[in-house]
Amino acid sequence: MTTSALLVMDVQQSITARISDPDYTSRVARAVAAARKAGVPVVYVVVGFRAGHPETRSSPTFSALPEGAFTEGDPNAAIHPDVAPQPGETVVTKKRISAFAGSDLDLVLRGGAVDHLVLAGLSTSGVVLSTLRQAADLDFRLTVLSDGCGDTDAEVHRVLTEKVFPRQADVTTVDEWAARLG
């Protein structure tokens, strides 16, 4: 039997602000609602750092962040209110681009006997790509919600969801996936 989980990744205030699609968070909210209704666990993955960012100093990607960004108390690091977790839902904090890097995500998933991940998040070329590749190497079955992902570069998003991701994942839309859940 397959046990699925919906991963909602990096849907944080400062990250959603970079996406020009005004309907993005409402689509992800539909996926979250469908998952909850079907009893599929929703796991939120956020990027977060300690005060002073000691874990970013060696990172070319994260070392340039302004002081206080993505730390506890940073309102821009909060999960977008359209998709906010309910009490009891898991929030995993990661330290790099992949949802698995610097987090306990694998332990959380294995503890719940999850073997199938449904991916949604920002950005397609960042957390979604990195997580998909690592999850495939960890032998998870994968589904990508193409319109539950977004990227600042529409062409990169298209190439990834139409040409790259289908090699390792079922790629579908939020509404098609929700319909499958019943």
N, C-alpha and C. Protein backbone atom coordinates (compact mmCIF):
# COMPACT_ATOMS: atom_id res chain seq x y z
N MET A 1 0.84 -1.19 0.00
CA MET A 1 0.00 0.00 0.00
C MET A 1 0.88 1.24 0.00
N THR A 2 0.48 2.23 -0.77
CA THR A 2 1.22 3.49 -0.87
C THR A 2 0.68 4.49 0.14
N THR A 3 1.59 5.14 0.83
CA THR A 3 1.23 6.22 1.73
C THR A 3 1.83 7.50 1.17
N SER A 4 0.97 8.45 0.87
CA SER A 4 1.40 9.71 0.26
C SER A 4 1.45 10.82 1.28
N ALA A 5 2.23 11.85 0.96
CA ALA A 5 2.24 13.11 1.71
C ALA A 5 2.39 14.23 0.70
N LEU A 6 1.69 15.32 0.95
CA LEU A 6 1.83 16.53 0.15
C LEU A 6 2.88 17.41 0.79
N LEU A 7 3.93 17.74 0.05
CA LEU A 7 4.95 18.66 0.54
C LEU A 7 4.66 20.05 -0.04
N VAL A 8 4.46 21.01 0.83
CA VAL A 8 4.27 22.41 0.46
C VAL A 8 5.57 23.11 0.84
N MET A 9 6.35 23.46 -0.18
CA MET A 9 7.74 23.86 0.06
C MET A 9 8.00 25.33 -0.27
N ASP A 10 8.56 26.03 0.69
CA ASP A 10 9.01 27.42 0.53
C ASP A 10 7.88 28.37 0.13
N VAL A 11 6.66 28.07 0.52
CA VAL A 11 5.55 28.97 0.22
C VAL A 11 5.47 29.97 1.38
N GLN A 12 6.52 30.78 1.44
CA GLN A 12 6.71 31.76 2.50
C GLN A 12 6.49 33.16 1.92
N GLN A 13 6.14 34.09 2.78
CA GLN A 13 5.76 35.43 2.35
C GLN A 13 6.75 36.07 1.38
N SER A 14 8.03 36.12 1.73
CA SER A 14 8.99 36.81 0.85
C SER A 14 9.23 36.07 -0.45
N ILE A 15 8.99 34.77 -0.46
CA ILE A 15 9.19 33.98 -1.68
C ILE A 15 7.97 34.09 -2.59
N THR A 16 6.78 34.03 -2.02
CA THR A 16 5.57 34.17 -2.85
C THR A 16 5.49 35.55 -3.47
N ALA A 17 6.07 36.54 -2.83
CA ALA A 17 6.05 37.91 -3.36
C ALA A 17 6.79 38.02 -4.69
N ARG A 18 7.68 37.07 -4.97
CA ARG A 18 8.46 37.11 -6.22
C ARG A 18 7.72 36.50 -7.41
N ILE A 19 6.61 35.82 -7.14
CA ILE A 19 5.87 35.13 -8.20
C ILE A 19 4.76 36.05 -8.70
N SER A 20 4.68 36.22 -10.01
CA SER A 20 3.70 37.15 -10.58
C SER A 20 2.30 36.57 -10.73
N ASP A 21 2.13 35.28 -10.54
CA ASP A 21 0.83 34.62 -10.70
C ASP A 21 -0.06 34.91 -9.48
N PRO A 22 -1.10 35.73 -9.64
CA PRO A 22 -1.93 36.09 -8.48
C PRO A 22 -2.77 34.93 -7.94
N ASP A 23 -2.92 33.85 -8.72
CA ASP A 23 -3.74 32.71 -8.29
C ASP A 23 -2.91 31.57 -7.68
N TYR A 24 -1.59 31.76 -7.60
CA TYR A 24 -0.72 30.67 -7.15
C TYR A 24 -1.13 30.13 -5.78
N THR A 25 -1.20 30.99 -4.77
CA THR A 25 -1.47 30.48 -3.42
C THR A 25 -2.87 29.88 -3.30
N SER A 26 -3.84 30.39 -4.06
CA SER A 26 -5.18 29.79 -3.99
C SER A 26 -5.19 28.39 -4.60
N ARG A 27 -4.37 28.15 -5.63
CA ARG A 27 -4.26 26.79 -6.20
C ARG A 27 -3.62 25.84 -5.19
N VAL A 28 -2.55 26.30 -4.56
CA VAL A 28 -1.90 25.45 -3.55
C VAL A 28 -2.87 25.20 -2.39
N ALA A 29 -3.65 26.20 -2.04
CA ALA A 29 -4.64 26.02 -0.97
C ALA A 29 -5.66 24.95 -1.36
N ARG A 30 -6.02 24.86 -2.63
CA ARG A 30 -6.93 23.79 -3.08
C ARG A 30 -6.28 22.42 -2.92
N ALA A 31 -4.99 22.34 -3.22
CA ALA A 31 -4.27 21.07 -3.04
C ALA A 31 -4.24 20.69 -1.57
N VAL A 32 -3.96 21.65 -0.71
CA VAL A 32 -3.92 21.40 0.73
C VAL A 32 -5.29 20.94 1.22
N ALA A 33 -6.35 21.61 0.79
CA ALA A 33 -7.70 21.23 1.21
C ALA A 33 -8.05 19.82 0.74
N ALA A 34 -7.69 19.49 -0.50
CA ALA A 34 -7.97 18.14 -1.03
C ALA A 34 -7.20 17.09 -0.25
N ALA A 35 -5.94 17.38 0.08
CA ALA A 35 -5.13 16.43 0.84
C ALA A 35 -5.75 16.20 2.22
N ARG A 36 -6.09 17.29 2.89
CA ARG A 36 -6.69 17.15 4.23
C ARG A 36 -7.98 16.35 4.18
N LYS A 37 -8.82 16.62 3.19
CA LYS A 37 -10.10 15.92 3.07
C LYS A 37 -9.88 14.43 2.84
N ALA A 38 -8.84 14.07 2.08
CA ALA A 38 -8.55 12.67 1.78
C ALA A 38 -7.69 11.99 2.84
N GLY A 39 -7.30 12.72 3.87
CA GLY A 39 -6.46 12.14 4.91
C GLY A 39 -5.01 12.00 4.53
N VAL A 40 -4.58 12.76 3.51
CA VAL A 40 -3.17 12.75 3.09
C VAL A 40 -2.44 13.79 3.94
N PRO A 41 -1.39 13.39 4.64
CA PRO A 41 -0.68 14.36 5.46
C PRO A 41 -0.10 15.49 4.61
N VAL A 42 -0.16 16.70 5.16
CA VAL A 42 0.46 17.86 4.54
C VAL A 42 1.68 18.20 5.39
N VAL A 43 2.83 18.23 4.73
CA VAL A 43 4.08 18.56 5.40
C VAL A 43 4.59 19.86 4.78
N TYR A 44 4.81 20.85 5.62
CA TYR A 44 5.32 22.14 5.17
C TYR A 44 6.83 22.15 5.33
N VAL A 45 7.51 22.64 4.31
CA VAL A 45 8.96 22.77 4.36
C VAL A 45 9.27 24.24 4.17
N VAL A 46 10.04 24.79 5.10
CA VAL A 46 10.43 26.20 5.04
C VAL A 46 11.94 26.33 5.16
N VAL A 47 12.46 27.39 4.58
CA VAL A 47 13.86 27.71 4.77
C VAL A 47 13.95 28.58 6.01
N GLY A 48 14.91 28.27 6.88
CA GLY A 48 15.05 29.04 8.10
C GLY A 48 16.44 28.90 8.68
N PHE A 49 16.87 29.96 9.36
CA PHE A 49 18.23 30.00 9.92
C PHE A 49 18.21 30.55 11.34
N ARG A 50 19.28 30.29 12.06
CA ARG A 50 19.47 30.85 13.40
C ARG A 50 19.82 32.33 13.28
N ALA A 51 19.62 33.06 14.36
CA ALA A 51 20.04 34.47 14.40
C ALA A 51 21.54 34.53 14.08
N GLY A 52 21.91 35.47 13.26
CA GLY A 52 23.31 35.60 12.85
C GLY A 52 23.69 34.74 11.66
N HIS A 53 22.81 33.85 11.25
CA HIS A 53 23.02 32.98 10.08
C HIS A 53 24.34 32.19 10.09
N PRO A 54 24.71 31.55 11.20
CA PRO A 54 25.99 30.83 11.19
C PRO A 54 26.04 29.70 10.16
N GLU A 55 24.87 29.12 9.83
CA GLU A 55 24.86 28.01 8.90
C GLU A 55 24.92 28.44 7.44
N THR A 56 24.92 29.75 7.18
CA THR A 56 24.96 30.22 5.79
C THR A 56 26.34 30.68 5.35
N ARG A 57 27.26 30.81 6.26
CA ARG A 57 28.56 31.44 5.94
C ARG A 57 29.31 30.74 4.81
N SER A 58 29.17 29.45 4.68
CA SER A 58 29.89 28.72 3.62
C SER A 58 29.07 28.60 2.34
N SER A 59 27.85 29.13 2.34
CA SER A 59 26.95 28.95 1.21
C SER A 59 26.98 30.12 0.24
N PRO A 60 27.37 29.87 -1.01
CA PRO A 60 27.30 30.96 -2.00
C PRO A 60 25.87 31.45 -2.20
N THR A 61 24.91 30.58 -2.03
CA THR A 61 23.51 30.95 -2.24
C THR A 61 22.95 31.77 -1.08
N PHE A 62 23.20 31.37 0.13
CA PHE A 62 22.54 31.98 1.28
C PHE A 62 23.40 32.98 2.06
N SER A 63 24.69 33.03 1.83
CA SER A 63 25.56 33.91 2.63
C SER A 63 25.27 35.39 2.42
N ALA A 64 24.65 35.77 1.32
CA ALA A 64 24.36 37.18 1.05
C ALA A 64 23.01 37.64 1.62
N LEU A 65 22.31 36.77 2.31
CA LEU A 65 21.03 37.18 2.88
C LEU A 65 21.22 38.31 3.88
N PRO A 66 20.28 39.24 3.91
CA PRO A 66 20.38 40.31 4.91
C PRO A 66 20.21 39.75 6.32
N GLU A 67 20.83 40.43 7.27
CA GLU A 67 20.72 40.05 8.68
C GLU A 67 19.25 39.93 9.07
N GLY A 68 18.90 38.83 9.70
CA GLY A 68 17.53 38.62 10.18
C GLY A 68 16.60 37.94 9.19
N ALA A 69 17.01 37.84 7.93
CA ALA A 69 16.14 37.19 6.93
C ALA A 69 16.02 35.71 7.24
N PHE A 70 14.81 35.21 7.16
CA PHE A 70 14.50 33.80 7.37
C PHE A 70 14.93 33.30 8.74
N THR A 71 14.83 34.18 9.74
CA THR A 71 15.09 33.77 11.12
C THR A 71 13.77 33.83 11.88
N GLU A 72 13.77 33.25 13.07
CA GLU A 72 12.57 33.29 13.91
C GLU A 72 12.17 34.74 14.12
N GLY A 73 10.92 35.02 13.93
CA GLY A 73 10.43 36.38 14.10
C GLY A 73 10.41 37.21 12.82
N ASP A 74 11.02 36.71 11.74
CA ASP A 74 10.98 37.43 10.47
C ASP A 74 9.61 37.22 9.84
N PRO A 75 8.77 38.27 9.78
CA PRO A 75 7.42 38.07 9.24
C PRO A 75 7.43 37.63 7.77
N ASN A 76 8.47 37.96 7.04
CA ASN A 76 8.57 37.55 5.64
C ASN A 76 8.90 36.08 5.47
N ALA A 77 9.32 35.43 6.54
CA ALA A 77 9.62 34.00 6.49
C ALA A 77 8.40 33.15 6.81
N ALA A 78 7.31 33.79 7.23
CA ALA A 78 6.10 33.06 7.59
C ALA A 78 5.49 32.37 6.38
N ILE A 79 4.88 31.22 6.61
CA ILE A 79 4.14 30.53 5.56
C ILE A 79 2.97 31.42 5.14
N HIS A 80 2.73 31.51 3.85
CA HIS A 80 1.66 32.37 3.33
C HIS A 80 0.34 31.98 3.99
N PRO A 81 -0.44 32.96 4.45
CA PRO A 81 -1.67 32.64 5.18
C PRO A 81 -2.70 31.84 4.38
N ASP A 82 -2.66 31.91 3.05
CA ASP A 82 -3.60 31.13 2.24
C ASP A 82 -3.42 29.63 2.42
N VAL A 83 -2.21 29.21 2.81
CA VAL A 83 -1.91 27.77 2.92
C VAL A 83 -1.38 27.40 4.30
N ALA A 84 -1.59 28.26 5.28
CA ALA A 84 -1.00 28.07 6.61
C ALA A 84 -1.35 26.71 7.21
N PRO A 85 -0.40 26.14 7.95
CA PRO A 85 -0.64 24.84 8.58
C PRO A 85 -1.71 24.93 9.67
N GLN A 86 -2.40 23.82 9.82
CA GLN A 86 -3.34 23.68 10.93
C GLN A 86 -2.59 23.07 12.10
N PRO A 87 -3.13 23.22 13.30
CA PRO A 87 -2.49 22.59 14.46
C PRO A 87 -2.27 21.10 14.21
N GLY A 88 -1.10 20.63 14.55
CA GLY A 88 -0.76 19.22 14.39
C GLY A 88 -0.08 18.90 13.07
N GLU A 89 -0.13 19.81 12.09
CA GLU A 89 0.57 19.54 10.83
C GLU A 89 2.05 19.85 11.00
N THR A 90 2.86 19.08 10.31
CA THR A 90 4.31 19.16 10.47
C THR A 90 4.90 20.29 9.65
N VAL A 91 5.79 21.05 10.28
CA VAL A 91 6.59 22.06 9.59
C VAL A 91 8.05 21.67 9.77
N VAL A 92 8.74 21.49 8.66
CA VAL A 92 10.15 21.10 8.66
C VAL A 92 10.97 22.30 8.19
N THR A 93 12.03 22.60 8.92
CA THR A 93 12.91 23.70 8.53
C THR A 93 14.16 23.12 7.89
N LYS A 94 14.48 23.65 6.71
CA LYS A 94 15.66 23.21 5.97
C LYS A 94 16.69 24.34 5.94
N LYS A 95 17.92 23.98 5.63
CA LYS A 95 19.01 24.95 5.64
C LYS A 95 19.62 25.19 4.27
N ARG A 96 19.14 24.48 3.27
CA ARG A 96 19.65 24.64 1.90
C ARG A 96 18.47 24.56 0.94
N ILE A 97 18.73 24.30 -0.32
CA ILE A 97 17.66 24.36 -1.32
C ILE A 97 16.77 23.13 -1.27
N SER A 98 17.32 21.94 -1.27
CA SER A 98 16.52 20.72 -1.19
C SER A 98 15.79 20.66 0.15
N ALA A 99 14.58 20.16 0.13
CA ALA A 99 13.81 19.99 1.36
C ALA A 99 14.48 19.03 2.33
N PHE A 100 15.36 18.19 1.83
CA PHE A 100 16.05 17.21 2.68
C PHE A 100 17.33 17.77 3.30
N ALA A 101 17.91 18.81 2.72
CA ALA A 101 19.23 19.30 3.13
C ALA A 101 19.15 20.10 4.44
N GLY A 102 19.80 19.57 5.45
CA GLY A 102 19.82 20.24 6.74
C GLY A 102 18.50 20.17 7.48
N SER A 103 17.69 19.16 7.16
CA SER A 103 16.39 19.03 7.83
C SER A 103 16.19 17.58 8.29
N ASP A 104 15.12 17.37 9.03
CA ASP A 104 14.77 16.02 9.46
C ASP A 104 13.61 15.46 8.63
N LEU A 105 13.44 15.97 7.41
CA LEU A 105 12.33 15.55 6.56
C LEU A 105 12.31 14.04 6.33
N ASP A 106 13.44 13.45 6.01
CA ASP A 106 13.46 12.01 5.75
C ASP A 106 12.99 11.23 6.98
N LEU A 107 13.40 11.63 8.16
CA LEU A 107 12.96 10.96 9.39
C LEU A 107 11.45 11.11 9.59
N VAL A 108 10.93 12.29 9.33
CA VAL A 108 9.49 12.53 9.46
C VAL A 108 8.71 11.65 8.49
N LEU A 109 9.17 11.59 7.24
CA LEU A 109 8.46 10.79 6.22
C LEU A 109 8.55 9.30 6.53
N ARG A 110 9.74 8.82 6.86
CA ARG A 110 9.91 7.39 7.15
C ARG A 110 9.12 7.01 8.39
N GLY A 111 9.07 7.92 9.38
CA GLY A 111 8.30 7.66 10.59
C GLY A 111 6.81 7.52 10.31
N GLY A 112 6.35 8.19 9.26
CA GLY A 112 4.94 8.09 8.85
C GLY A 112 4.71 7.06 7.78
N ALA A 113 5.74 6.25 7.47
CA ALA A 113 5.66 5.21 6.44
C ALA A 113 5.28 5.79 5.07
N VAL A 114 5.67 7.04 4.82
CA VAL A 114 5.38 7.69 3.54
C VAL A 114 6.36 7.19 2.50
N ASP A 115 5.83 6.79 1.34
CA ASP A 115 6.69 6.34 0.25
C ASP A 115 6.38 7.05 -1.08
N HIS A 116 5.43 7.99 -1.02
CA HIS A 116 5.04 8.73 -2.22
C HIS A 116 4.91 10.21 -1.85
N LEU A 117 5.66 11.06 -2.55
CA LEU A 117 5.62 12.49 -2.27
C LEU A 117 4.93 13.23 -3.40
N VAL A 118 4.07 14.15 -3.03
CA VAL A 118 3.41 15.05 -3.97
C VAL A 118 4.02 16.42 -3.71
N LEU A 119 4.66 16.98 -4.74
CA LEU A 119 5.46 18.19 -4.56
C LEU A 119 4.76 19.43 -5.10
N ALA A 120 4.76 20.47 -4.27
CA ALA A 120 4.31 21.81 -4.65
C ALA A 120 5.27 22.78 -4.00
N GLY A 121 5.61 23.87 -4.68
CA GLY A 121 6.48 24.83 -4.03
C GLY A 121 7.11 25.83 -4.96
N LEU A 122 7.86 26.71 -4.33
CA LEU A 122 8.56 27.80 -5.01
C LEU A 122 10.04 27.71 -4.66
N SER A 123 10.85 27.57 -5.59
CA SER A 123 10.62 27.68 -7.02
C SER A 123 10.83 26.33 -7.70
N THR A 124 10.29 26.26 -8.90
CA THR A 124 10.40 25.02 -9.68
C THR A 124 11.86 24.65 -9.89
N SER A 125 12.68 25.66 -10.20
CA SER A 125 14.11 25.41 -10.49
C SER A 125 14.95 25.34 -9.23
N GLY A 126 14.35 25.56 -8.08
CA GLY A 126 15.05 25.52 -6.81
C GLY A 126 14.63 24.33 -5.98
N VAL A 127 13.76 24.57 -5.00
CA VAL A 127 13.38 23.52 -4.06
C VAL A 127 12.71 22.34 -4.74
N VAL A 128 11.89 22.57 -5.76
CA VAL A 128 11.18 21.45 -6.38
C VAL A 128 12.17 20.55 -7.12
N LEU A 129 13.02 21.14 -7.94
CA LEU A 129 14.02 20.35 -8.67
C LEU A 129 14.96 19.62 -7.72
N SER A 130 15.51 20.32 -6.75
CA SER A 130 16.46 19.71 -5.82
C SER A 130 15.82 18.61 -4.99
N THR A 131 14.60 18.84 -4.53
CA THR A 131 13.90 17.84 -3.72
C THR A 131 13.52 16.63 -4.55
N LEU A 132 13.04 16.87 -5.76
CA LEU A 132 12.67 15.76 -6.65
C LEU A 132 13.87 14.85 -6.88
N ARG A 133 15.00 15.43 -7.20
CA ARG A 133 16.19 14.62 -7.48
C ARG A 133 16.62 13.82 -6.25
N GLN A 134 16.65 14.48 -5.10
CA GLN A 134 17.08 13.77 -3.89
C GLN A 134 16.05 12.71 -3.49
N ALA A 135 14.77 13.04 -3.60
CA ALA A 135 13.72 12.08 -3.24
C ALA A 135 13.76 10.86 -4.15
N ALA A 136 14.03 11.07 -5.44
CA ALA A 136 14.15 9.95 -6.36
C ALA A 136 15.31 9.05 -5.95
N ASP A 137 16.43 9.65 -5.56
CA ASP A 137 17.58 8.86 -5.10
C ASP A 137 17.29 8.13 -3.80
N LEU A 138 16.34 8.64 -3.03
CA LEU A 138 15.94 7.99 -1.77
C LEU A 138 14.79 7.00 -1.99
N ASP A 139 14.44 6.75 -3.25
CA ASP A 139 13.44 5.75 -3.65
C ASP A 139 12.00 6.10 -3.31
N PHE A 140 11.68 7.40 -3.21
CA PHE A 140 10.29 7.80 -3.07
C PHE A 140 9.63 7.80 -4.44
N ARG A 141 8.36 7.43 -4.51
CA ARG A 141 7.56 7.66 -5.70
C ARG A 141 7.18 9.12 -5.69
N LEU A 142 7.02 9.72 -6.87
CA LEU A 142 6.88 11.18 -6.93
C LEU A 142 5.76 11.63 -7.86
N THR A 143 5.08 12.67 -7.42
CA THR A 143 4.12 13.40 -8.24
C THR A 143 4.47 14.87 -8.09
N VAL A 144 4.45 15.61 -9.19
CA VAL A 144 4.66 17.05 -9.16
C VAL A 144 3.37 17.72 -9.61
N LEU A 145 2.91 18.67 -8.82
CA LEU A 145 1.75 19.47 -9.20
C LEU A 145 2.27 20.66 -10.00
N SER A 146 2.18 20.56 -11.32
CA SER A 146 2.83 21.55 -12.19
C SER A 146 2.35 22.97 -11.90
N ASP A 147 1.07 23.16 -11.65
CA ASP A 147 0.58 24.50 -11.34
C ASP A 147 0.59 24.79 -9.84
N GLY A 148 1.11 23.86 -9.07
CA GLY A 148 1.37 24.06 -7.65
C GLY A 148 2.82 24.45 -7.43
N CYS A 149 3.54 24.61 -8.53
CA CYS A 149 4.92 25.07 -8.51
C CYS A 149 4.96 26.40 -9.26
N GLY A 150 5.99 27.15 -9.04
CA GLY A 150 6.14 28.41 -9.75
C GLY A 150 7.59 28.80 -9.78
N ASP A 151 7.91 29.63 -10.76
CA ASP A 151 9.29 30.06 -10.93
C ASP A 151 9.27 31.47 -11.51
N THR A 152 10.30 32.24 -11.24
CA THR A 152 10.37 33.58 -11.82
C THR A 152 10.63 33.52 -13.31
N ASP A 153 11.09 32.38 -13.81
CA ASP A 153 11.34 32.20 -15.24
C ASP A 153 10.34 31.17 -15.78
N ALA A 154 9.35 31.64 -16.51
CA ALA A 154 8.29 30.76 -17.01
C ALA A 154 8.82 29.68 -17.94
N GLU A 155 9.83 29.98 -18.73
CA GLU A 155 10.38 28.98 -19.65
C GLU A 155 11.10 27.88 -18.89
N VAL A 156 11.83 28.21 -17.87
CA VAL A 156 12.49 27.20 -17.04
C VAL A 156 11.44 26.31 -16.39
N HIS A 157 10.38 26.91 -15.87
CA HIS A 157 9.29 26.13 -15.28
C HIS A 157 8.71 25.16 -16.30
N ARG A 158 8.45 25.64 -17.51
CA ARG A 158 7.88 24.80 -18.56
C ARG A 158 8.80 23.65 -18.91
N VAL A 159 10.07 23.92 -19.12
CA VAL A 159 11.01 22.86 -19.49
C VAL A 159 11.09 21.81 -18.38
N LEU A 160 11.17 22.25 -17.14
CA LEU A 160 11.26 21.30 -16.04
C LEU A 160 10.00 20.45 -15.93
N THR A 161 8.84 21.08 -15.96
CA THR A 161 7.60 20.32 -15.75
C THR A 161 7.20 19.48 -16.96
N GLU A 162 7.60 19.90 -18.16
CA GLU A 162 7.21 19.16 -19.37
C GLU A 162 8.27 18.18 -19.86
N LYS A 163 9.54 18.43 -19.57
CA LYS A 163 10.59 17.60 -20.15
C LYS A 163 11.46 16.88 -19.12
N VAL A 164 11.77 17.53 -18.02
CA VAL A 164 12.71 16.95 -17.05
C VAL A 164 11.98 16.12 -15.99
N PHE A 165 11.01 16.70 -15.31
CA PHE A 165 10.34 16.01 -14.22
C PHE A 165 9.65 14.72 -14.63
N PRO A 166 9.02 14.65 -15.84
CA PRO A 166 8.33 13.40 -16.19
C PRO A 166 9.25 12.17 -16.26
N ARG A 167 10.54 12.36 -16.28
CA ARG A 167 11.46 11.22 -16.26
C ARG A 167 11.48 10.52 -14.91
N GLN A 168 11.11 11.24 -13.85
CA GLN A 168 11.16 10.67 -12.51
C GLN A 168 9.86 10.80 -11.73
N ALA A 169 8.88 11.50 -12.30
CA ALA A 169 7.66 11.77 -11.55
C ALA A 169 6.46 11.81 -12.47
N ASP A 170 5.31 11.56 -11.87
CA ASP A 170 4.05 11.83 -12.55
C ASP A 170 3.83 13.33 -12.41
N VAL A 171 3.60 14.03 -13.52
CA VAL A 171 3.36 15.47 -13.49
C VAL A 171 1.89 15.70 -13.84
N THR A 172 1.20 16.40 -12.95
CA THR A 172 -0.22 16.65 -13.13
C THR A 172 -0.54 18.03 -12.58
N THR A 173 -1.80 18.41 -12.65
CA THR A 173 -2.22 19.69 -12.09
C THR A 173 -2.87 19.49 -10.73
N VAL A 174 -3.03 20.58 -10.01
CA VAL A 174 -3.69 20.52 -8.71
C VAL A 174 -5.09 19.92 -8.85
N ASP A 175 -5.87 20.41 -9.80
CA ASP A 175 -7.25 19.92 -9.94
C ASP A 175 -7.31 18.45 -10.36
N GLU A 176 -6.43 18.03 -11.25
CA GLU A 176 -6.40 16.61 -11.65
C GLU A 176 -6.03 15.73 -10.48
N TRP A 177 -5.05 16.15 -9.69
CA TRP A 177 -4.63 15.37 -8.52
C TRP A 177 -5.75 15.31 -7.49
N ALA A 178 -6.40 16.46 -7.23
CA ALA A 178 -7.50 16.49 -6.27
C ALA A 178 -8.65 15.58 -6.70
N ALA A 179 -8.92 15.54 -7.99
CA ALA A 179 -9.98 14.68 -8.51
C ALA A 179 -9.65 13.20 -8.27
N ARG A 180 -8.39 12.83 -8.41
CA ARG A 180 -7.97 11.45 -8.15
C ARG A 180 -8.19 11.05 -6.71
N LEU A 181 -8.04 12.04 -5.80
CA LEU A 181 -8.21 11.74 -4.37
C LEU A 181 -9.66 11.45 -4.03
N GLY A 182 -10.55 12.00 -4.86
CA GLY A 182 -11.99 11.76 -4.64
C GLY A 182 -12.67 12.78 -3.84
